[in-house]
Amino acid sequence: MKPSLEDRVLAFLDQLPRSTKINLGRPEVKPGEKQADYLLDEGRVVVEVKTLKQTQRWRGEAVLDEYLTYTGSKIFGSLPLSRIAMSSEHLAALEKSISSRMTRGIEKVCRSANHQIGDELGRLPHLATGTLILINENVPDLHPRLVADRVVEFTLSKRTNIHYCLLIFESHLVKVRNRSVPYPLLLDLTYSARQRRAGRFLRVIKEKWAMENGLPSGLPDPEPIELDYQPGSLTLGR
């Protein structure tokens, strides 16, 4: 039986050179303090790993049900939101509300990781860069672009300890050189030149993960909006 994506990512981090898995129950951790998962590059990068496991489709369906009740509409079969919304303003509001509701959990994940990474950074005797790794093996309603937008929104709302975010999604594929592959995405969320020093290291890590999992190497690193992840649409309802 093939190991889960989470197990494969943890095994990958374990075997990286200059990688240290952070053990629980260390004496220097004070009551109430949190811990991250890994120190990479001899402690220059603090990593927290989070796995997305629960579908959020029901949250989007709740928004749609509320709108249909409000408008008194009934739908039979499948229709795009543009056919359901009564105006362009309604469509924009619907899309924003569905996105916001479905990614509430992402904000909670970011808040937790921010705390864990922050406490770990505070225990180090030197400055380091915080990195969140988000894993999605089989939750298709959490599209990489949707998740990326919420992570960026969280980190832009205030200065956080999440300076980079690596999305490793097997739930969505990108067509590259006539192959559909789950290519990872690295988000640069830094706000200082010092934090950006870790960017090259993390891009190498991303590339190494891709190569070890049989994905094409030497690919450009486009912005999230330029990646055509599939499935690209979400069907709400039953």
Protein backbone atom coordinates (compact mmCIF):
# COMPACT_ATOMS: atom_id res chain seq x y z
CA MET A 1 0.00 0.00 0.00
CA LYS A 2 1.36 3.40 -0.98
CA PRO A 3 2.19 5.63 2.01
CA SER A 4 0.04 8.73 2.48
CA LEU A 5 1.23 12.03 1.05
CA GLU A 6 1.80 13.31 4.59
CA ASP A 7 4.03 10.33 5.44
CA ARG A 8 5.98 10.79 2.19
CA VAL A 9 6.53 14.50 2.83
CA LEU A 10 7.73 13.85 6.40
CA ALA A 11 10.07 11.11 5.18
CA PHE A 12 11.39 13.51 2.53
CA LEU A 13 12.11 16.18 5.16
CA ASP A 14 13.75 13.60 7.43
CA GLN A 15 16.34 12.66 4.80
CA LEU A 16 17.31 16.19 3.77
CA PRO A 17 20.90 17.20 4.61
CA ARG A 18 21.16 19.45 7.70
CA SER A 19 17.55 18.61 8.64
CA THR A 20 16.49 18.24 12.28
CA LYS A 21 13.11 16.91 13.37
CA ILE A 22 11.94 18.83 16.43
CA ASN A 23 11.13 16.50 19.30
CA LEU A 24 8.20 17.08 21.62
CA GLY A 25 8.69 17.70 25.32
CA ARG A 26 11.99 19.56 25.16
CA PRO A 27 12.96 21.13 28.54
CA GLU A 28 13.48 24.59 26.98
CA VAL A 29 9.83 24.73 25.89
CA LYS A 30 7.90 26.64 28.53
CA PRO A 31 4.28 25.82 29.48
CA GLY A 32 1.89 27.22 26.91
CA GLU A 33 4.54 27.54 24.21
CA LYS A 34 4.17 25.79 20.86
CA GLN A 35 6.62 23.84 18.74
CA ALA A 36 7.19 23.58 15.01
CA ASP A 37 8.07 20.36 13.15
CA TYR A 38 11.51 20.83 11.58
CA LEU A 39 14.65 22.93 11.48
CA LEU A 40 16.18 22.92 7.99
CA ASP A 41 19.47 24.24 6.62
CA GLU A 42 21.14 24.05 10.03
CA GLY A 43 18.33 25.93 11.74
CA ARG A 44 18.06 28.76 9.22
CA VAL A 45 14.56 27.63 8.23
CA VAL A 46 11.79 26.70 10.70
CA VAL A 47 9.12 24.47 9.16
CA GLU A 48 5.58 23.62 10.25
CA VAL A 49 3.70 20.95 8.28
CA LYS A 50 -0.10 20.96 8.06
CA THR A 51 -2.36 18.52 6.20
CA LEU A 52 -5.73 19.52 4.75
CA LYS A 53 -8.05 16.56 5.23
CA GLN A 54 -11.66 17.73 5.48
CA THR A 55 -13.86 18.74 2.58
CA GLN A 56 -15.22 22.27 2.71
CA ARG A 57 -17.81 21.79 -0.03
CA TRP A 58 -20.66 21.98 2.46
CA ARG A 59 -19.69 25.54 3.36
CA GLY A 60 -19.98 26.62 -0.26
CA GLU A 61 -23.28 24.78 -0.61
CA ALA A 62 -24.62 26.61 2.45
CA VAL A 63 -23.88 29.97 0.82
CA LEU A 64 -25.59 28.88 -2.38
CA ASP A 65 -28.63 27.56 -0.50
CA GLU A 66 -28.94 30.88 1.34
CA TYR A 67 -28.85 32.77 -1.94
CA LEU A 68 -31.44 30.50 -3.61
CA THR A 69 -33.74 30.91 -0.60
CA TYR A 70 -33.27 34.69 -0.77
CA THR A 71 -34.11 34.85 -4.48
CA GLY A 72 -36.78 32.16 -4.37
CA SER A 73 -35.04 30.28 -7.17
CA LYS A 74 -35.06 26.55 -7.84
CA ILE A 75 -32.33 24.76 -9.78
CA PHE A 76 -32.54 21.46 -11.61
CA GLY A 77 -29.28 20.02 -12.88
CA SER A 78 -25.95 21.84 -12.96
CA LEU A 79 -25.55 25.51 -13.75
CA PRO A 80 -22.56 27.85 -13.48
CA LEU A 81 -22.79 30.59 -10.87
CA SER A 82 -23.04 33.16 -13.66
CA ARG A 83 -26.40 31.63 -14.63
CA ILE A 84 -27.64 31.51 -11.05
CA ALA A 85 -26.70 35.03 -9.95
CA MET A 86 -29.29 37.68 -10.80
CA SER A 87 -26.68 40.35 -11.58
CA SER A 88 -22.93 40.83 -11.95
CA GLU A 89 -22.90 42.36 -8.46
CA HIS A 90 -24.65 39.29 -7.04
CA LEU A 91 -22.16 37.04 -8.86
CA ALA A 92 -19.15 38.86 -7.40
CA ALA A 93 -20.66 38.74 -3.91
CA LEU A 94 -21.51 35.04 -4.27
CA GLU A 95 -18.00 34.11 -5.41
CA LYS A 96 -16.42 36.11 -2.60
CA SER A 97 -18.72 34.63 0.03
CA ILE A 98 -18.22 31.05 -1.16
CA SER A 99 -14.44 31.51 -1.24
CA SER A 100 -14.40 33.10 2.22
CA ARG A 101 -16.57 30.41 3.83
CA MET A 102 -14.68 27.52 2.23
CA THR A 103 -11.28 28.80 3.35
CA ARG A 104 -12.11 29.62 6.97
CA GLY A 105 -10.21 26.51 7.94
CA ILE A 106 -7.14 27.72 6.04
CA GLU A 107 -7.06 30.86 8.16
CA LYS A 108 -7.21 28.72 11.33
CA VAL A 109 -4.36 26.57 10.00
CA CYS A 110 -2.30 29.69 9.27
CA ARG A 111 -3.01 31.15 12.70
CA SER A 112 -1.90 27.92 14.40
CA ALA A 113 1.24 27.60 12.25
CA ASN A 114 2.10 31.25 12.82
CA HIS A 115 2.02 30.66 16.59
CA GLN A 116 4.08 27.46 16.38
CA ILE A 117 6.72 28.93 14.08
CA GLY A 118 6.85 32.16 16.10
CA ASP A 119 7.51 30.35 19.38
CA GLU A 120 10.19 28.23 17.70
CA LEU A 121 11.88 31.28 16.19
CA GLY A 122 11.95 32.88 19.64
CA ARG A 123 13.95 29.96 21.07
CA LEU A 124 16.67 30.10 18.43
CA PRO A 125 19.89 31.98 19.17
CA HIS A 126 19.88 33.37 15.62
CA LEU A 127 17.45 34.80 13.06
CA ALA A 128 15.63 32.30 10.84
CA THR A 129 12.91 32.11 8.20
CA GLY A 130 9.48 30.59 8.90
CA THR A 131 7.95 28.21 6.35
CA LEU A 132 4.53 26.56 6.30
CA ILE A 133 4.11 23.39 4.23
CA LEU A 134 0.48 22.68 3.31
CA ILE A 135 -0.39 19.17 2.13
CA ASN A 136 -3.53 18.20 0.23
CA GLU A 137 -3.75 14.62 -0.95
CA ASN A 138 -7.39 14.21 -1.92
CA VAL A 139 -9.60 17.20 -1.07
CA PRO A 140 -10.53 18.48 -4.57
CA ASP A 141 -12.72 21.37 -3.39
CA LEU A 142 -9.67 23.09 -1.85
CA HIS A 143 -8.11 24.36 -5.08
CA PRO A 144 -4.45 25.49 -4.81
CA ARG A 145 -5.33 28.99 -6.01
CA LEU A 146 -8.15 29.27 -3.47
CA VAL A 147 -5.84 28.17 -0.66
CA ALA A 148 -2.97 30.37 -1.87
CA ASP A 149 -5.23 33.44 -1.92
CA ARG A 150 -6.30 32.85 1.70
CA VAL A 151 -2.72 32.29 2.86
CA VAL A 152 -1.61 35.51 1.15
CA GLU A 153 -4.58 37.37 2.65
CA PHE A 154 -3.63 36.15 6.14
CA THR A 155 0.02 37.13 5.83
CA LEU A 156 -0.78 40.52 4.30
CA SER A 157 -3.18 41.42 7.12
CA LYS A 158 -0.24 41.72 9.51
CA ARG A 159 3.41 40.78 9.69
CA THR A 160 3.50 37.08 10.42
CA ASN A 161 6.10 34.39 11.06
CA ILE A 162 5.10 32.62 7.83
CA HIS A 163 7.61 33.93 5.32
CA TYR A 164 7.17 31.17 2.74
CA CYS A 165 4.43 28.64 2.09
CA LEU A 166 5.01 25.46 0.09
CA LEU A 167 1.83 23.88 -1.28
CA ILE A 168 2.19 20.17 -2.04
CA PHE A 169 -1.14 19.13 -3.54
CA GLU A 170 -1.85 15.77 -5.17
CA SER A 171 -5.52 16.68 -5.30
CA HIS A 172 -4.92 18.90 -8.38
CA LEU A 173 -2.76 18.47 -11.45
CA VAL A 174 -0.95 20.81 -13.82
CA LYS A 175 -0.35 19.90 -17.46
CA VAL A 176 3.40 20.08 -18.11
CA ARG A 177 5.04 18.79 -21.29
CA ASN A 178 1.92 16.79 -22.15
CA ARG A 179 1.79 15.22 -18.69
CA SER A 180 -0.63 15.95 -15.85
CA VAL A 181 1.41 16.24 -12.67
CA PRO A 182 0.85 17.54 -9.09
CA TYR A 183 3.56 20.19 -9.28
CA PRO A 184 4.26 21.97 -5.95
CA LEU A 185 3.85 25.71 -5.54
CA LEU A 186 6.06 28.00 -3.43
CA LEU A 187 4.57 31.27 -2.17
CA ASP A 188 6.96 34.10 -1.32
CA LEU A 189 5.39 35.97 1.62
CA THR A 190 8.53 37.77 2.80
CA TYR A 191 8.78 41.42 3.75
CA SER A 192 12.56 41.74 4.21
CA ALA A 193 15.75 40.93 2.30
CA ARG A 194 16.95 38.77 5.19
CA GLN A 195 13.91 36.49 4.94
CA ARG A 196 14.32 36.22 1.17
CA ARG A 197 17.76 34.67 1.62
CA ALA A 198 16.00 31.36 2.28
CA GLY A 199 14.17 31.55 -1.04
CA ARG A 200 16.89 29.88 -3.07
CA PHE A 201 17.17 27.02 -0.54
CA LEU A 202 13.41 26.46 -0.55
CA ARG A 203 13.23 26.52 -4.36
CA VAL A 204 15.88 23.81 -4.42
CA ILE A 205 13.83 21.80 -1.90
CA LYS A 206 10.72 22.21 -4.06
CA GLU A 207 12.62 21.07 -7.14
CA LYS A 208 14.14 18.13 -5.27
CA TRP A 209 10.68 17.00 -4.14
CA ALA A 210 9.42 17.26 -7.72
CA MET A 211 12.31 15.25 -9.13
CA GLU A 212 12.13 12.53 -6.48
CA ASN A 213 8.44 12.10 -7.25
CA GLY A 214 8.96 11.73 -10.99
CA LEU A 215 7.90 15.24 -11.95
CA PRO A 216 9.60 17.39 -14.59
CA SER A 217 12.49 19.48 -13.38
CA GLY A 218 13.76 22.84 -14.52
CA LEU A 219 10.27 24.33 -14.69
CA PRO A 220 9.55 28.04 -14.41
CA ASP A 221 8.05 29.23 -11.12
CA PRO A 222 5.00 31.24 -12.20
CA GLU A 223 2.64 33.17 -10.01
CA PRO A 224 -0.28 31.10 -8.64
CA ILE A 225 -2.77 32.69 -11.03
CA GLU A 226 -0.74 31.44 -14.01
CA LEU A 227 -0.92 27.79 -12.99
CA ASP A 228 -3.80 25.95 -14.63
CA TYR A 229 -4.56 23.41 -11.92
CA GLN A 230 -7.21 20.78 -12.67
CA PRO A 231 -9.89 20.16 -11.61
CA GLY A 232 -10.41 23.87 -12.06
CA SER A 233 -14.09 24.12 -11.18
CA LEU A 234 -16.21 23.06 -8.24
CA THR A 235 -19.70 21.62 -8.52
CA LEU A 236 -21.90 22.43 -5.54
CA GLY A 237 -25.10 20.62 -4.70
CA ARG A 238 -26.13 17.02 -5.15
